[in-house]
C-alpha atoms as a PDB file:
ATOM      1  CA  MET A   1      84.543  72.988 133.270  1.00  0.00           C
ATOM      2  CA  ASP A   2      82.993  70.163 131.370  1.00  0.00           C
ATOM      3  CA  THR A   3      84.226  66.574 131.652  1.00  0.00           C
ATOM      4  CA  TRP A   4      85.747  66.568 128.120  1.00  0.00           C
ATOM      5  CA  THR A   5      87.694  69.926 128.371  1.00  0.00           C
ATOM      6  CA  TRP A   6      91.003  68.439 129.651  1.00  0.00           C
ATOM      7  CA  PRO A   7      91.042  65.513 127.310  1.00  0.00           C
ATOM      8  CA  LEU A   8      90.102  67.850 124.324  1.00  0.00           C
ATOM      9  CA  MET A   9      92.893  70.189 125.444  1.00  0.00           C
ATOM     10  CA  ALA A  10      95.433  67.172 125.569  1.00  0.00           C
ATOM     11  CA  VAL A  11      94.379  66.191 122.103  1.00  0.00           C
ATOM     12  CA  ILE A  12      94.751  69.722 120.739  1.00  0.00           C
ATOM     13  CA  LEU A  13      98.181  70.026 122.199  1.00  0.00           C
ATOM     14  CA  LEU A  14      99.152  66.582 120.869  1.00  0.00           C
ATOM     15  CA  ILE A  15      98.020  67.585 117.378  1.00  0.00           C
ATOM     16  CA  CYS A  16      99.840  70.964 117.572  1.00  0.00           C
ATOM     17  CA  GLY A  17     103.024  69.129 118.805  1.00  0.00           C
ATOM     18  CA  ILE A  18     102.904  66.621 116.020  1.00  0.00           C
ATOM     19  CA  GLY A  19     102.161  69.289 113.431  1.00  0.00           C
ATOM     20  CA  TYR A  20     105.132  71.408 114.718  1.00  0.00           C
ATOM     21  CA  ALA A  21     107.567  68.570 114.633  1.00  0.00           C
ATOM     22  CA  TYR A  22     106.372  67.518 111.219  1.00  0.00           C
ATOM     23  CA  THR A  23     106.710  71.020 109.913  1.00  0.00           C
ATOM     24  CA  ARG A  24     110.172  71.370 111.339  1.00  0.00           C
ATOM     25  CA  ARG A  25     111.336  68.154 109.784  1.00  0.00           C
ATOM     26  CA  ILE A  26     109.832  69.056 106.405  1.00  0.00           C
ATOM     27  CA  ALA A  27     111.567  72.493 106.602  1.00  0.00           C
ATOM     28  CA  LYS A  28     114.805  71.090 107.397  1.00  0.00           C
ATOM     29  CA  MET A  29     114.694  68.633 104.537  1.00  0.00           C
ATOM     30  CA  GLU A  30     113.494  71.486 102.160  1.00  0.00           C
ATOM     31  CA  GLN A  31     116.466  73.564 103.307  1.00  0.00           C
ATOM     32  CA  GLU A  32     118.918  70.747 102.550  1.00  0.00           C
ATOM     33  CA  ALA A  33     117.357  70.141  99.183  1.00  0.00           C
ATOM     34  CA  VAL A  34     117.528  73.752  98.170  1.00  0.00           C
ATOM     35  CA  HIS A  35     121.078  74.028  99.275  1.00  0.00           C
ATOM     36  CA  ASN A  36     121.942  70.908  97.318  1.00  0.00           C
ATOM     37  CA  ASN A  37     120.126  71.784  94.261  1.00  0.00           C
ATOM     38  CA  ASP A  38     120.742  75.423  94.029  1.00  0.00           C
ATOM     39  CA  GLN A  39     122.682  76.696  91.088  1.00  0.00           C
ATOM     40  CA  PRO A  40     124.653  79.792  90.622  1.00  0.00           C
ATOM     41  CA  ILE A  41     123.186  82.570  88.577  1.00  0.00           C
ATOM     42  CA  SER A  42     124.709  83.105  85.264  1.00  0.00           C
ATOM     43  CA  GLN A  43     126.517  86.190  84.423  1.00  0.00           C
ATOM     44  CA  ALA A  44     124.139  87.064  81.455  1.00  0.00           C
ATOM     45  CA  VAL A  45     121.337  87.097  83.984  1.00  0.00           C
ATOM     46  CA  LYS A  46     123.271  89.190  86.478  1.00  0.00           C
ATOM     47  CA  ASP A  47     124.171  91.799  83.824  1.00  0.00           C
ATOM     48  CA  ASN A  48     120.590  91.967  82.379  1.00  0.00           C
ATOM     49  CA  PRO A  49     118.083  91.072  85.050  1.00  0.00           C
ATOM     50  CA  THR A  50     115.094  92.582  83.358  1.00  0.00           C
ATOM     51  CA  MET A  51     115.783  91.696  79.726  1.00  0.00           C
ATOM     52  CA  LEU A  52     115.720  87.901  80.513  1.00  0.00           C
ATOM     53  CA  ASN A  53     112.792  87.939  82.745  1.00  0.00           C
ATOM     54  CA  PRO A  54     109.774  86.204  81.096  1.00  0.00           C
ATOM     55  CA  ILE A  55     107.330  87.903  83.321  1.00  0.00           C
ATOM     56  CA  ILE A  56     108.496  91.312  81.975  1.00  0.00           C
ATOM     57  CA  TRP A  57     108.297  90.057  78.407  1.00  0.00           C
ATOM     58  CA  VAL A  58     104.661  88.699  78.920  1.00  0.00           C
ATOM     59  CA  TYR A  59     103.653  92.168  80.325  1.00  0.00           C
ATOM     60  CA  GLY A  60     105.383  94.019  77.456  1.00  0.00           C
ATOM     61  CA  LEU A  61     103.758  91.818  74.827  1.00  0.00           C
ATOM     62  CA  ALA A  62     100.280  92.262  76.508  1.00  0.00           C
ATOM     63  CA  PHE A  63     100.819  95.964  76.606  1.00  0.00           C
ATOM     64  CA  VAL A  64     101.681  96.010  72.899  1.00  0.00           C
ATOM     65  CA  PHE A  65      98.586  93.817  72.018  1.00  0.00           C
ATOM     66  CA  VAL A  66      96.176  95.972  74.025  1.00  0.00           C
ATOM     67  CA  PHE A  67      97.641  99.177  72.437  1.00  0.00           C
ATOM     68  CA  ILE A  68      97.188  97.751  68.923  1.00  0.00           C
ATOM     69  CA  LEU A  69      93.657  96.731  69.696  1.00  0.00           C
ATOM     70  CA  ILE A  70      92.781 100.142  71.044  1.00  0.00           C
ATOM     71  CA  PHE A  71      94.516 101.870  68.064  1.00  0.00           C
ATOM     72  CA  TYR A  72      92.614  99.656  65.586  1.00  0.00           C
ATOM     73  CA  ASN A  73      89.196 100.360  67.363  1.00  0.00           C
ATOM     74  CA  VAL A  74      89.889 104.142  67.486  1.00  0.00           C
ATOM     75  CA  VAL A  75      90.794 104.314  63.769  1.00  0.00           C
ATOM     76  CA  LYS A  76      87.973 101.911  62.690  1.00  0.00           C
ATOM     77  CA  TYR A  77      85.147 103.767  64.520  1.00  0.00           C
ATOM     78  CA  GLN A  78      86.534 107.369  64.058  1.00  0.00           C
ATOM     79  CA  TRP A  79      86.058 107.377  60.248  1.00  0.00           C
ATOM     80  CA  PHE A  80      82.356 106.307  60.360  1.00  0.00           C
END
């Protein structure tokens, strides 16, 4: 073993310990913030989870747009 092995291991353990303690503290603060700021889900969203989801709307609109483009190109180039 080299001369610097043990000091390097001590520094690595110190950095890991500080990182672990800091991460635990941040996780605890985050959990408290989520608990304090969390709002109940409205009944409309509970009843229609897919209809009020904006991601599903974006996928649907993109599908319609691509379908219109494909249909337009098929009709345009088929009659030439």
